[in-house]
């Protein structure tokens, strides 16, 4: 479940009514969506003029933004033979506990033999290193205060958190740097250039929750 989508649903329900919002959500769930984001299976049927796939062929598709790699696994018996094991750094300025999208991608990559680390922040834990569903997490603490002095502390820890994530990425040697939003893109680009890795940029839709506001800093990132 994505907390941002739940929040968006509740906001729309208040503005447009529950029944109308519920119907719109169900219609969206029922509409067909293109294949994407980490899946595996067997080809059951191939249409005309398709020469890339064969019937009853096993396929694993790893997607990350616009990056898609496909490997024929029909004759493989060991998942470690699928692709060369890579170290993948996946930073995102988001609460690691709720970052379901990134964690699912990381889990899929780990399951085919890659060394994956998710980098983000937490309001709950001050631990720098822990795991979620077996995925190594590097977390930087962000104070959750919203009023008065607590809000000032939040700003200070936010500044420290953003610097911490970016400097961590810069000094990590990896094969792939998967930037999940604009805030970490420069560090991922620089580190990929410095260490000879590959850069993937997958900006999420989180900025759209600000679209009803006249101005928000994330509008700049969305424009870029």
N, C-alpha and C. Protein backbone atom coordinates (compact mmCIF):
# COMPACT_ATOMS: atom_id res chain seq x y z
N UNK A 1 0.85 -1.19 0.00
CA UNK A 1 0.00 0.00 0.00
C UNK A 1 0.88 1.24 0.00
N UNK A 2 0.46 2.27 -0.76
CA UNK A 2 1.21 3.51 -0.83
C UNK A 2 0.50 4.59 0.00
N UNK A 3 1.15 5.03 1.09
CA UNK A 3 0.52 6.04 1.97
C UNK A 3 0.15 7.32 1.24
N UNK A 4 0.94 7.74 0.25
CA UNK A 4 0.65 8.97 -0.47
C UNK A 4 -0.65 8.86 -1.26
N UNK A 5 -0.92 7.65 -1.81
CA UNK A 5 -2.15 7.45 -2.56
C UNK A 5 -3.37 7.42 -1.63
N UNK A 6 -3.18 6.84 -0.44
CA UNK A 6 -4.26 6.83 0.55
C UNK A 6 -4.61 8.26 0.96
N UNK A 7 -3.57 9.06 1.20
CA UNK A 7 -3.78 10.46 1.57
C UNK A 7 -4.50 11.22 0.47
N UNK A 8 -4.11 10.95 -0.77
CA UNK A 8 -4.74 11.60 -1.91
C UNK A 8 -6.21 11.20 -2.02
N UNK A 9 -6.50 9.91 -1.76
CA UNK A 9 -7.89 9.42 -1.79
C UNK A 9 -8.74 10.14 -0.75
N UNK A 10 -8.22 10.27 0.47
CA UNK A 10 -8.96 10.92 1.55
C UNK A 10 -9.21 12.40 1.25
N UNK A 11 -8.23 13.05 0.65
CA UNK A 11 -8.39 14.46 0.29
C UNK A 11 -9.47 14.63 -0.77
N UNK A 12 -9.45 13.76 -1.78
CA UNK A 12 -10.46 13.83 -2.84
C UNK A 12 -11.85 13.50 -2.29
N UNK A 13 -11.89 12.56 -1.34
CA UNK A 13 -13.18 12.19 -0.75
C UNK A 13 -13.81 13.37 -0.01
N UNK A 14 -12.98 14.16 0.66
CA UNK A 14 -13.47 15.34 1.37
C UNK A 14 -13.97 16.40 0.40
N UNK A 15 -13.28 16.54 -0.74
CA UNK A 15 -13.62 17.60 -1.69
C UNK A 15 -14.76 17.21 -2.63
N UNK A 16 -14.76 15.93 -3.09
CA UNK A 16 -15.70 15.52 -4.14
C UNK A 16 -16.74 14.51 -3.66
N UNK A 17 -16.57 14.03 -2.42
CA UNK A 17 -17.50 13.04 -1.91
C UNK A 17 -16.92 11.64 -2.00
N UNK A 18 -17.28 10.80 -1.04
CA UNK A 18 -16.70 9.46 -0.97
C UNK A 18 -17.10 8.58 -2.15
N UNK A 19 -18.40 8.60 -2.50
CA UNK A 19 -18.90 7.70 -3.56
C UNK A 19 -18.21 7.99 -4.89
N UNK A 20 -18.13 9.26 -5.25
CA UNK A 20 -17.51 9.65 -6.52
C UNK A 20 -16.03 9.28 -6.54
N UNK A 21 -15.34 9.54 -5.42
CA UNK A 21 -13.91 9.22 -5.33
C UNK A 21 -13.68 7.72 -5.39
N UNK A 22 -14.53 6.96 -4.67
CA UNK A 22 -14.41 5.50 -4.68
C UNK A 22 -14.62 4.94 -6.08
N UNK A 23 -15.62 5.43 -6.79
CA UNK A 23 -15.89 4.95 -8.15
C UNK A 23 -14.71 5.24 -9.08
N UNK A 24 -14.14 6.42 -8.93
CA UNK A 24 -12.99 6.79 -9.76
C UNK A 24 -11.80 5.89 -9.48
N UNK A 25 -11.57 5.57 -8.20
CA UNK A 25 -10.46 4.69 -7.82
C UNK A 25 -10.66 3.28 -8.37
N UNK A 26 -11.90 2.76 -8.28
CA UNK A 26 -12.18 1.42 -8.80
C UNK A 26 -12.02 1.37 -10.31
N UNK A 27 -12.48 2.41 -11.00
CA UNK A 27 -12.34 2.47 -12.46
C UNK A 27 -10.87 2.45 -12.86
N UNK A 28 -10.05 3.14 -12.07
CA UNK A 28 -8.62 3.18 -12.37
C UNK A 28 -7.98 1.82 -12.14
N UNK A 29 -8.41 1.13 -11.08
CA UNK A 29 -7.86 -0.20 -10.81
C UNK A 29 -8.26 -1.21 -11.88
N UNK A 30 -9.45 -1.02 -12.44
CA UNK A 30 -9.95 -1.95 -13.46
C UNK A 30 -9.36 -1.69 -14.83
N UNK A 31 -8.79 -0.52 -15.05
CA UNK A 31 -8.25 -0.19 -16.37
C UNK A 31 -6.94 -0.93 -16.59
N UNK A 32 -6.68 -1.36 -17.84
CA UNK A 32 -5.44 -2.09 -18.14
C UNK A 32 -4.22 -1.21 -18.00
N UNK A 33 -3.14 -1.76 -17.52
CA UNK A 33 -1.89 -1.03 -17.37
C UNK A 33 -0.78 -1.80 -18.05
N UNK A 34 0.22 -1.11 -18.61
CA UNK A 34 1.32 -1.80 -19.29
C UNK A 34 2.19 -2.57 -18.31
N UNK A 35 2.84 -3.60 -18.82
CA UNK A 35 3.72 -4.42 -18.02
C UNK A 35 4.89 -3.58 -17.51
N UNK A 36 5.26 -3.80 -16.26
CA UNK A 36 6.40 -3.04 -15.74
C UNK A 36 6.68 -3.36 -14.30
N UNK A 37 7.84 -2.94 -13.83
CA UNK A 37 8.29 -3.09 -12.47
C UNK A 37 8.40 -4.52 -11.98
N UNK A 38 9.49 -5.12 -12.33
CA UNK A 38 9.95 -6.34 -11.70
C UNK A 38 8.95 -7.48 -11.73
N UNK A 39 9.04 -8.31 -12.71
CA UNK A 39 8.13 -9.44 -12.80
C UNK A 39 8.85 -10.61 -13.45
N UNK A 40 8.28 -11.77 -13.33
CA UNK A 40 8.84 -12.95 -13.96
C UNK A 40 7.71 -13.88 -14.33
N UNK A 41 7.95 -14.73 -15.31
CA UNK A 41 6.91 -15.66 -15.71
C UNK A 41 7.29 -16.41 -16.97
N UNK A 42 6.31 -17.10 -17.56
CA UNK A 42 6.52 -17.89 -18.76
C UNK A 42 5.63 -17.35 -19.88
N UNK A 43 6.19 -17.22 -21.06
CA UNK A 43 5.43 -16.76 -22.21
C UNK A 43 4.44 -17.85 -22.61
N UNK A 44 3.16 -17.52 -22.63
CA UNK A 44 2.14 -18.54 -22.94
C UNK A 44 1.67 -18.46 -24.39
N UNK A 45 1.83 -17.29 -25.02
CA UNK A 45 1.41 -17.16 -26.41
C UNK A 45 2.14 -15.99 -27.06
N UNK A 46 2.49 -16.14 -28.33
CA UNK A 46 3.22 -15.11 -29.06
C UNK A 46 2.42 -14.71 -30.29
N UNK A 47 2.27 -13.41 -30.50
CA UNK A 47 1.54 -12.92 -31.66
C UNK A 47 2.38 -12.90 -32.91
N UNK A 48 1.78 -12.46 -34.01
CA UNK A 48 2.48 -12.40 -35.29
C UNK A 48 3.60 -11.36 -35.26
N UNK A 49 4.61 -11.65 -36.06
CA UNK A 49 5.75 -10.74 -36.24
C UNK A 49 6.53 -10.48 -34.95
N UNK A 50 6.42 -11.38 -33.97
CA UNK A 50 7.18 -11.27 -32.73
C UNK A 50 8.29 -12.31 -32.76
N UNK A 51 9.53 -11.86 -32.81
CA UNK A 51 10.65 -12.80 -32.87
C UNK A 51 11.54 -12.75 -31.64
N UNK A 52 11.21 -11.87 -30.69
CA UNK A 52 12.04 -11.73 -29.50
C UNK A 52 11.70 -12.78 -28.44
N UNK A 53 10.44 -13.26 -28.47
CA UNK A 53 9.99 -14.24 -27.49
C UNK A 53 9.57 -15.53 -28.20
N UNK A 54 9.57 -16.62 -27.43
CA UNK A 54 9.11 -17.90 -27.94
C UNK A 54 8.12 -18.50 -26.94
N UNK A 55 7.20 -19.32 -27.45
CA UNK A 55 6.23 -19.97 -26.58
C UNK A 55 6.92 -20.80 -25.50
N UNK A 56 6.34 -20.75 -24.29
CA UNK A 56 6.81 -21.51 -23.14
C UNK A 56 8.23 -21.14 -22.73
N UNK A 57 8.64 -19.96 -23.07
CA UNK A 57 9.97 -19.48 -22.71
C UNK A 57 9.90 -18.75 -21.38
N UNK A 58 10.82 -19.06 -20.47
CA UNK A 58 10.86 -18.37 -19.18
C UNK A 58 11.56 -17.02 -19.36
N UNK A 59 10.99 -16.02 -18.71
CA UNK A 59 11.59 -14.69 -18.81
C UNK A 59 11.58 -14.02 -17.44
N UNK A 60 12.63 -13.27 -17.19
CA UNK A 60 12.66 -12.38 -16.03
C UNK A 60 12.90 -10.97 -16.55
N UNK A 61 12.05 -10.06 -16.14
CA UNK A 61 12.15 -8.67 -16.58
C UNK A 61 12.44 -7.81 -15.37
N UNK A 62 13.53 -7.11 -15.42
CA UNK A 62 13.90 -6.20 -14.33
C UNK A 62 13.74 -4.79 -14.85
N UNK A 63 12.85 -4.03 -14.26
CA UNK A 63 12.63 -2.68 -14.74
C UNK A 63 13.00 -1.66 -13.69
N UNK A 64 13.54 -0.58 -14.14
CA UNK A 64 13.90 0.52 -13.24
C UNK A 64 13.79 1.80 -14.04
N UNK A 65 12.68 2.46 -13.95
CA UNK A 65 12.46 3.63 -14.78
C UNK A 65 12.38 3.20 -16.23
N UNK A 66 13.23 3.78 -17.07
CA UNK A 66 13.24 3.44 -18.48
C UNK A 66 14.24 2.33 -18.80
N UNK A 67 14.93 1.85 -17.78
CA UNK A 67 15.93 0.80 -17.99
C UNK A 67 15.27 -0.56 -17.88
N UNK A 68 15.40 -1.38 -18.90
CA UNK A 68 14.83 -2.73 -18.89
C UNK A 68 15.88 -3.70 -19.39
N UNK A 69 16.18 -4.72 -18.62
CA UNK A 69 17.08 -5.77 -19.07
C UNK A 69 16.34 -7.08 -19.01
N UNK A 70 16.45 -7.89 -20.07
CA UNK A 70 15.76 -9.16 -20.13
C UNK A 70 16.77 -10.26 -20.39
N UNK A 71 16.66 -11.33 -19.67
CA UNK A 71 17.55 -12.45 -19.84
C UNK A 71 16.74 -13.72 -20.05
N UNK A 72 17.14 -14.52 -21.03
CA UNK A 72 16.49 -15.79 -21.28
C UNK A 72 16.92 -16.79 -20.21
N UNK A 73 16.00 -17.27 -19.42
CA UNK A 73 16.34 -18.17 -18.33
C UNK A 73 15.89 -19.61 -18.61
N UNK A 74 15.58 -19.93 -19.89
CA UNK A 74 15.06 -21.25 -20.22
C UNK A 74 16.00 -22.37 -19.82
N UNK A 75 17.31 -22.15 -20.00
CA UNK A 75 18.28 -23.22 -19.78
C UNK A 75 19.10 -23.03 -18.51
N UNK A 76 18.70 -22.05 -17.70
CA UNK A 76 19.48 -21.78 -16.49
C UNK A 76 18.91 -22.55 -15.32
N UNK A 77 19.79 -23.09 -14.50
CA UNK A 77 19.35 -23.82 -13.32
C UNK A 77 19.69 -23.08 -12.04
N UNK A 78 20.64 -22.17 -12.12
CA UNK A 78 21.08 -21.42 -10.95
C UNK A 78 20.82 -19.94 -11.20
N UNK A 79 20.10 -19.28 -10.27
CA UNK A 79 19.78 -17.87 -10.48
C UNK A 79 21.03 -17.00 -10.55
N UNK A 80 22.14 -17.47 -9.99
CA UNK A 80 23.37 -16.68 -10.04
C UNK A 80 23.94 -16.62 -11.44
N UNK A 81 23.47 -17.52 -12.33
CA UNK A 81 23.94 -17.51 -13.71
C UNK A 81 23.17 -16.53 -14.56
N UNK A 82 22.10 -15.96 -14.02
CA UNK A 82 21.24 -15.10 -14.82
C UNK A 82 21.97 -13.89 -15.38
N UNK A 83 22.57 -13.11 -14.53
CA UNK A 83 23.33 -11.93 -14.94
C UNK A 83 24.50 -11.79 -14.01
N UNK A 84 25.48 -11.04 -14.41
CA UNK A 84 26.61 -10.78 -13.54
C UNK A 84 26.13 -10.00 -12.32
N UNK A 85 26.50 -10.49 -11.15
CA UNK A 85 26.08 -9.83 -9.91
C UNK A 85 26.62 -8.41 -9.86
N UNK A 86 25.77 -7.46 -9.56
CA UNK A 86 26.15 -6.05 -9.51
C UNK A 86 25.82 -5.46 -8.15
N UNK A 87 26.57 -4.45 -7.77
CA UNK A 87 26.23 -3.68 -6.59
C UNK A 87 25.37 -2.50 -7.02
N UNK A 88 24.20 -2.38 -6.44
CA UNK A 88 23.24 -1.35 -6.83
C UNK A 88 22.92 -0.47 -5.62
N UNK A 89 23.13 0.83 -5.76
CA UNK A 89 22.78 1.80 -4.72
C UNK A 89 21.48 2.48 -5.14
N UNK A 90 20.48 2.46 -4.25
CA UNK A 90 19.17 3.01 -4.58
C UNK A 90 18.77 4.08 -3.56
N UNK A 91 19.23 5.34 -3.74
CA UNK A 91 18.87 6.40 -2.80
C UNK A 91 17.55 7.07 -3.15
N UNK A 92 16.81 7.47 -2.13
CA UNK A 92 15.54 8.15 -2.32
C UNK A 92 15.25 8.99 -1.08
N UNK A 93 14.89 10.25 -1.26
CA UNK A 93 14.54 11.10 -0.13
C UNK A 93 13.11 10.77 0.27
N UNK A 94 12.96 9.66 0.97
CA UNK A 94 11.64 9.20 1.42
C UNK A 94 11.82 8.29 2.62
N UNK A 95 10.76 8.18 3.44
CA UNK A 95 10.81 7.29 4.59
C UNK A 95 11.04 5.86 4.13
N UNK A 96 12.11 5.26 4.59
CA UNK A 96 12.46 3.92 4.12
C UNK A 96 11.40 2.89 4.51
N UNK A 97 10.74 3.09 5.66
CA UNK A 97 9.74 2.11 6.11
C UNK A 97 8.53 2.05 5.19
N UNK A 98 8.22 3.15 4.51
CA UNK A 98 7.03 3.22 3.66
C UNK A 98 7.36 3.22 2.17
N UNK A 99 8.62 3.05 1.85
CA UNK A 99 9.03 3.15 0.44
C UNK A 99 8.83 1.80 -0.26
N UNK A 100 7.57 1.39 -0.38
CA UNK A 100 7.24 0.06 -0.90
C UNK A 100 7.75 -0.13 -2.32
N UNK A 101 7.60 0.87 -3.14
CA UNK A 101 8.00 0.76 -4.55
C UNK A 101 9.48 0.43 -4.69
N UNK A 102 10.31 1.17 -3.98
CA UNK A 102 11.76 0.96 -4.06
C UNK A 102 12.15 -0.36 -3.41
N UNK A 103 11.54 -0.69 -2.30
CA UNK A 103 11.86 -1.95 -1.61
C UNK A 103 11.50 -3.16 -2.47
N UNK A 104 10.40 -3.08 -3.20
CA UNK A 104 10.02 -4.18 -4.07
C UNK A 104 11.01 -4.35 -5.22
N UNK A 105 11.46 -3.24 -5.79
CA UNK A 105 12.47 -3.32 -6.85
C UNK A 105 13.76 -3.91 -6.30
N UNK A 106 14.16 -3.45 -5.11
CA UNK A 106 15.39 -3.94 -4.48
C UNK A 106 15.30 -5.43 -4.20
N UNK A 107 14.14 -5.88 -3.73
CA UNK A 107 13.96 -7.29 -3.42
C UNK A 107 14.05 -8.16 -4.67
N UNK A 108 13.47 -7.69 -5.77
CA UNK A 108 13.54 -8.43 -7.03
C UNK A 108 14.97 -8.53 -7.53
N UNK A 109 15.71 -7.44 -7.45
CA UNK A 109 17.11 -7.46 -7.88
C UNK A 109 17.94 -8.37 -6.99
N UNK A 110 17.67 -8.32 -5.68
CA UNK A 110 18.40 -9.19 -4.75
C UNK A 110 18.12 -10.66 -5.05
N UNK A 111 16.89 -10.97 -5.41
CA UNK A 111 16.51 -12.36 -5.65
C UNK A 111 17.18 -12.98 -6.87
N UNK A 112 17.72 -12.14 -7.75
CA UNK A 112 18.46 -12.69 -8.89
C UNK A 112 19.97 -12.51 -8.72
N UNK A 113 20.38 -12.23 -7.48
CA UNK A 113 21.80 -12.28 -7.18
C UNK A 113 22.54 -10.98 -7.05
N UNK A 114 21.83 -9.84 -7.13
CA UNK A 114 22.52 -8.55 -7.04
C UNK A 114 22.65 -8.09 -5.59
N UNK A 115 23.65 -7.28 -5.33
CA UNK A 115 23.90 -6.70 -4.01
C UNK A 115 23.27 -5.32 -4.00
N UNK A 116 22.16 -5.17 -3.30
CA UNK A 116 21.37 -3.94 -3.35
C UNK A 116 21.33 -3.26 -1.98
N UNK A 117 21.50 -1.94 -1.98
CA UNK A 117 21.39 -1.14 -0.76
C UNK A 117 20.41 -0.01 -1.02
N UNK A 118 19.41 0.13 -0.15
CA UNK A 118 18.45 1.23 -0.24
C UNK A 118 18.84 2.30 0.77
N UNK A 119 18.88 3.54 0.31
CA UNK A 119 19.29 4.66 1.15
C UNK A 119 18.13 5.64 1.27
N UNK A 120 17.83 6.06 2.50
CA UNK A 120 16.74 7.00 2.70
C UNK A 120 16.77 7.57 4.10
N UNK A 121 15.60 7.98 4.61
CA UNK A 121 15.55 8.53 5.96
C UNK A 121 14.45 7.86 6.76
N UNK A 122 14.51 8.07 8.07
CA UNK A 122 13.51 7.51 8.96
C UNK A 122 13.17 8.51 10.06
N UNK A 123 11.89 8.58 10.41
CA UNK A 123 11.45 9.37 11.57
C UNK A 123 11.40 8.51 12.83
N UNK A 124 11.44 7.18 12.63
CA UNK A 124 11.25 6.25 13.74
C UNK A 124 12.56 5.81 14.37
N UNK A 125 13.52 5.49 13.54
CA UNK A 125 14.76 4.90 14.03
C UNK A 125 15.96 5.81 13.77
N UNK A 126 16.84 5.87 14.76
CA UNK A 126 18.08 6.62 14.58
C UNK A 126 19.24 5.71 14.18
N UNK A 127 18.93 4.43 14.00
CA UNK A 127 19.96 3.49 13.56
C UNK A 127 20.37 3.82 12.13
N UNK A 128 21.66 3.75 11.86
CA UNK A 128 22.15 4.03 10.52
C UNK A 128 21.96 2.82 9.60
N UNK A 129 22.18 1.64 10.15
CA UNK A 129 22.09 0.42 9.33
C UNK A 129 21.10 -0.57 9.93
N UNK A 130 20.17 -1.03 9.12
CA UNK A 130 19.27 -2.11 9.50
C UNK A 130 18.73 -2.75 8.23
N UNK A 131 17.82 -3.69 8.36
CA UNK A 131 17.26 -4.35 7.18
C UNK A 131 15.74 -4.31 7.22
N UNK A 132 15.15 -4.32 6.02
CA UNK A 132 13.70 -4.45 5.86
C UNK A 132 13.47 -5.57 4.85
N UNK A 133 12.77 -6.59 5.27
CA UNK A 133 12.54 -7.80 4.45
C UNK A 133 13.84 -8.32 3.84
N UNK A 134 14.90 -8.23 4.62
CA UNK A 134 16.18 -8.74 4.17
C UNK A 134 17.00 -7.78 3.31
N UNK A 135 16.46 -6.60 3.01
CA UNK A 135 17.17 -5.61 2.19
C UNK A 135 17.99 -4.70 3.10
N UNK A 136 19.30 -4.57 2.84
CA UNK A 136 20.12 -3.66 3.65
C UNK A 136 19.66 -2.21 3.47
N UNK A 137 19.49 -1.52 4.59
CA UNK A 137 19.04 -0.13 4.58
C UNK A 137 20.11 0.75 5.21
N UNK A 138 20.41 1.87 4.56
CA UNK A 138 21.23 2.92 5.17
C UNK A 138 20.30 4.10 5.39
N UNK A 139 20.07 4.45 6.66
CA UNK A 139 19.05 5.43 6.99
C UNK A 139 19.65 6.62 7.74
N UNK A 140 19.14 7.80 7.41
CA UNK A 140 19.53 9.03 8.09
C UNK A 140 18.30 9.59 8.80
N UNK A 141 18.48 10.00 10.03
CA UNK A 141 17.34 10.39 10.87
C UNK A 141 16.80 11.76 10.49
N UNK A 142 15.47 11.87 10.48
CA UNK A 142 14.78 13.14 10.27
C UNK A 142 13.78 13.34 11.39
N UNK A 143 13.96 14.42 12.17
CA UNK A 143 13.03 14.74 13.25
C UNK A 143 11.65 15.05 12.68
N UNK A 144 10.61 14.57 13.38
CA UNK A 144 9.25 14.67 12.83
C UNK A 144 8.44 15.81 13.43
N UNK A 145 9.09 16.76 14.08
CA UNK A 145 8.36 17.88 14.66
C UNK A 145 7.77 18.79 13.60
N UNK A 146 6.59 19.34 13.88
CA UNK A 146 5.90 20.17 12.89
C UNK A 146 5.57 21.57 13.39
N UNK A 147 5.79 21.83 14.70
CA UNK A 147 5.43 23.12 15.25
C UNK A 147 6.53 23.66 16.17
N UNK A 148 6.62 24.98 16.23
CA UNK A 148 7.52 25.63 17.16
C UNK A 148 8.97 25.22 17.02
N UNK A 149 9.61 24.98 18.16
CA UNK A 149 11.03 24.60 18.18
C UNK A 149 11.24 23.26 17.47
N UNK A 150 10.28 22.36 17.61
CA UNK A 150 10.40 21.05 16.97
C UNK A 150 10.50 21.18 15.45
N UNK A 151 9.80 22.18 14.91
CA UNK A 151 9.86 22.40 13.47
C UNK A 151 11.25 22.88 13.05
N UNK A 152 11.86 23.72 13.87
CA UNK A 152 13.23 24.18 13.59
C UNK A 152 14.21 23.01 13.64
N UNK A 153 14.00 22.12 14.62
CA UNK A 153 14.85 20.93 14.71
C UNK A 153 14.67 20.06 13.47
N UNK A 154 13.43 19.98 12.99
CA UNK A 154 13.17 19.21 11.78
C UNK A 154 13.95 19.77 10.59
N UNK A 155 13.94 21.09 10.44
CA UNK A 155 14.68 21.71 9.34
C UNK A 155 16.17 21.40 9.43
N UNK A 156 16.71 21.46 10.66
CA UNK A 156 18.13 21.20 10.86
C UNK A 156 18.48 19.75 10.53
N UNK A 157 17.64 18.82 11.00
CA UNK A 157 17.92 17.41 10.71
C UNK A 157 17.66 17.09 9.24
N UNK A 158 16.74 17.82 8.60
CA UNK A 158 16.49 17.61 7.17
C UNK A 158 17.72 17.99 6.35
N UNK A 159 18.32 19.13 6.71
CA UNK A 159 19.53 19.57 6.02
C UNK A 159 20.65 18.54 6.20
N UNK A 160 20.80 18.06 7.44
CA UNK A 160 21.82 17.06 7.74
C UNK A 160 21.53 15.75 7.02
N UNK A 161 20.25 15.38 6.94
CA UNK A 161 19.85 14.14 6.29
C UNK A 161 20.14 14.16 4.79
N UNK A 162 19.78 15.25 4.14
CA UNK A 162 20.00 15.36 2.69
C UNK A 162 21.49 15.34 2.37
N UNK A 163 22.28 16.08 3.16
CA UNK A 163 23.73 16.05 2.96
C UNK A 163 24.28 14.65 3.20
N UNK A 164 23.80 14.00 4.26
CA UNK A 164 24.28 12.66 4.60
C UNK A 164 24.03 11.66 3.49
N UNK A 165 22.82 11.66 2.94
CA UNK A 165 22.49 10.73 1.86
C UNK A 165 23.35 10.97 0.64
N UNK A 166 23.49 12.23 0.27
CA UNK A 166 24.26 12.55 -0.94
C UNK A 166 25.75 12.23 -0.78
N UNK A 167 26.32 12.56 0.39
CA UNK A 167 27.73 12.24 0.61
C UNK A 167 27.95 10.74 0.71
N UNK A 168 27.00 10.02 1.26
CA UNK A 168 27.11 8.56 1.30
C UNK A 168 27.19 8.01 -0.11
N UNK A 169 26.32 8.49 -0.98
CA UNK A 169 26.29 8.00 -2.36
C UNK A 169 27.60 8.31 -3.08
N UNK A 170 28.11 9.51 -2.87
CA UNK A 170 29.33 9.92 -3.57
C UNK A 170 30.51 9.03 -3.24
N UNK A 171 30.59 8.58 -1.99
CA UNK A 171 31.76 7.80 -1.58
C UNK A 171 31.55 6.29 -1.66
N UNK A 172 30.44 5.86 -2.28
CA UNK A 172 30.18 4.44 -2.46
C UNK A 172 30.49 4.01 -3.89
N UNK A 173 31.32 3.01 -4.04
CA UNK A 173 31.61 2.49 -5.38
C UNK A 173 30.59 1.41 -5.71
N UNK A 174 29.88 1.58 -6.81
CA UNK A 174 28.84 0.64 -7.20
C UNK A 174 28.81 0.49 -8.71
N UNK A 175 28.13 -0.55 -9.17
CA UNK A 175 27.95 -0.75 -10.61
C UNK A 175 26.80 0.09 -11.15
N UNK A 176 25.77 0.28 -10.32
CA UNK A 176 24.58 1.02 -10.73
C UNK A 176 24.17 1.98 -9.62
N UNK A 177 23.90 3.21 -10.01
CA UNK A 177 23.36 4.22 -9.10
C UNK A 177 21.96 4.57 -9.57
N UNK A 178 20.97 4.14 -8.82
CA UNK A 178 19.58 4.32 -9.22
C UNK A 178 18.97 5.45 -8.40
N UNK A 179 18.96 6.65 -8.97
CA UNK A 179 18.41 7.83 -8.30
C UNK A 179 16.89 7.82 -8.42
N UNK A 180 16.21 7.85 -7.28
CA UNK A 180 14.76 7.76 -7.30
C UNK A 180 14.08 9.12 -7.20
N UNK A 181 14.82 10.18 -7.09
CA UNK A 181 14.24 11.51 -7.23
C UNK A 181 15.35 12.52 -7.51
N UNK A 182 14.92 13.73 -7.81
CA UNK A 182 15.86 14.76 -8.26
C UNK A 182 16.88 15.13 -7.20
N UNK A 183 16.47 15.03 -5.93
CA UNK A 183 17.32 15.49 -4.83
C UNK A 183 18.64 14.73 -4.75
N UNK A 184 18.66 13.49 -5.25
CA UNK A 184 19.88 12.67 -5.17
C UNK A 184 20.52 12.47 -6.54
N UNK A 185 19.92 13.05 -7.57
CA UNK A 185 20.43 12.85 -8.94
C UNK A 185 21.85 13.38 -9.14
N UNK A 186 22.17 14.62 -8.68
CA UNK A 186 23.55 15.11 -8.90
C UNK A 186 24.59 14.21 -8.25
N UNK A 187 24.33 13.73 -7.03
CA UNK A 187 25.29 12.87 -6.34
C UNK A 187 25.45 11.54 -7.08
N UNK A 188 24.34 10.98 -7.55
CA UNK A 188 24.40 9.72 -8.29
C UNK A 188 25.16 9.89 -9.61
N UNK A 189 24.90 11.01 -10.29
CA UNK A 189 25.58 11.29 -11.55
C UNK A 189 27.09 11.42 -11.32
N UNK A 190 27.46 12.19 -10.31
CA UNK A 190 28.88 12.40 -10.02
C UNK A 190 29.57 11.10 -9.62
N UNK A 191 28.90 10.30 -8.77
CA UNK A 191 29.49 9.06 -8.31
C UNK A 191 29.62 8.05 -9.44
N UNK A 192 28.62 7.98 -10.31
CA UNK A 192 28.70 7.09 -11.47
C UNK A 192 29.86 7.49 -12.38
N UNK A 193 30.03 8.79 -12.55
CA UNK A 193 31.13 9.29 -13.37
C UNK A 193 32.48 8.99 -12.72
N UNK A 194 32.57 9.19 -11.42
CA UNK A 194 33.83 9.02 -10.70
C UNK A 194 34.22 7.55 -10.58
N UNK A 195 33.22 6.67 -10.36
CA UNK A 195 33.51 5.26 -10.12
C UNK A 195 33.28 4.37 -11.34
N UNK A 196 32.86 4.96 -12.46
CA UNK A 196 32.65 4.17 -13.67
C UNK A 196 31.41 3.32 -13.63
N UNK A 197 30.37 3.76 -12.91
CA UNK A 197 29.13 3.01 -12.83
C UNK A 197 28.09 3.50 -13.81
N UNK A 198 26.93 2.88 -13.79
CA UNK A 198 25.81 3.27 -14.64
C UNK A 198 24.82 4.09 -13.81
N UNK A 199 24.19 5.06 -14.46
CA UNK A 199 23.22 5.92 -13.79
C UNK A 199 21.82 5.64 -14.30
N UNK A 200 20.88 5.44 -13.37
CA UNK A 200 19.46 5.31 -13.70
C UNK A 200 18.72 6.40 -12.95
N UNK A 201 17.89 7.15 -13.65
CA UNK A 201 17.10 8.20 -13.01
C UNK A 201 15.63 7.87 -13.15
N UNK A 202 14.96 7.68 -12.04
CA UNK A 202 13.56 7.29 -12.02
C UNK A 202 12.81 8.23 -11.09
N UNK A 203 12.41 9.38 -11.61
CA UNK A 203 11.72 10.34 -10.76
C UNK A 203 10.29 9.88 -10.51
N UNK A 204 9.91 9.81 -9.25
CA UNK A 204 8.58 9.33 -8.89
C UNK A 204 7.54 10.44 -9.00
N UNK A 205 6.29 10.07 -8.81
CA UNK A 205 5.20 11.02 -8.99
C UNK A 205 4.87 11.78 -7.71
N UNK A 206 5.73 11.70 -6.69
CA UNK A 206 5.39 12.28 -5.38
C UNK A 206 5.13 13.78 -5.47
N UNK A 207 5.75 14.46 -6.44
CA UNK A 207 5.56 15.91 -6.54
C UNK A 207 4.12 16.26 -6.89
N UNK A 208 3.35 15.34 -7.46
CA UNK A 208 1.99 15.66 -7.89
C UNK A 208 1.07 15.93 -6.71
N UNK A 209 1.45 15.49 -5.51
CA UNK A 209 0.59 15.76 -4.36
C UNK A 209 0.61 17.24 -4.01
N UNK A 210 1.54 17.99 -4.61
CA UNK A 210 1.62 19.43 -4.35
C UNK A 210 0.97 20.24 -5.48
N UNK A 211 0.39 19.59 -6.47
CA UNK A 211 -0.04 20.30 -7.67
C UNK A 211 -1.17 21.31 -7.41
N UNK A 212 -1.96 21.09 -6.34
CA UNK A 212 -3.05 22.01 -6.05
C UNK A 212 -2.58 23.26 -5.32
N UNK A 213 -1.32 23.27 -4.92
CA UNK A 213 -0.77 24.46 -4.26
C UNK A 213 -0.21 25.41 -5.30
N UNK A 214 -0.30 26.70 -5.02
CA UNK A 214 0.17 27.70 -5.98
C UNK A 214 1.67 27.59 -6.21
N UNK A 215 2.41 27.33 -5.13
CA UNK A 215 3.86 27.18 -5.27
C UNK A 215 4.38 26.20 -4.24
N UNK A 216 5.29 25.37 -4.66
CA UNK A 216 6.01 24.48 -3.77
C UNK A 216 7.36 24.19 -4.43
N UNK A 217 8.44 24.09 -3.65
CA UNK A 217 9.76 23.85 -4.24
C UNK A 217 9.82 22.64 -5.17
N UNK A 218 9.00 21.61 -4.90
CA UNK A 218 9.05 20.43 -5.75
C UNK A 218 8.54 20.69 -7.16
N UNK A 219 7.80 21.81 -7.35
CA UNK A 219 7.37 22.19 -8.70
C UNK A 219 8.59 22.44 -9.60
N UNK A 220 9.66 22.97 -8.99
CA UNK A 220 10.88 23.22 -9.76
C UNK A 220 11.47 21.91 -10.25
N UNK A 221 11.52 20.90 -9.36
CA UNK A 221 12.05 19.60 -9.73
C UNK A 221 11.20 18.96 -10.83
N UNK A 222 9.87 19.10 -10.71
CA UNK A 222 8.98 18.54 -11.71
C UNK A 222 9.21 19.19 -13.07
N UNK A 223 9.41 20.52 -13.09
CA UNK A 223 9.65 21.24 -14.32
C UNK A 223 10.95 20.78 -14.98
N UNK A 224 12.01 20.62 -14.15
CA UNK A 224 13.30 20.18 -14.68
C UNK A 224 13.21 18.78 -15.24
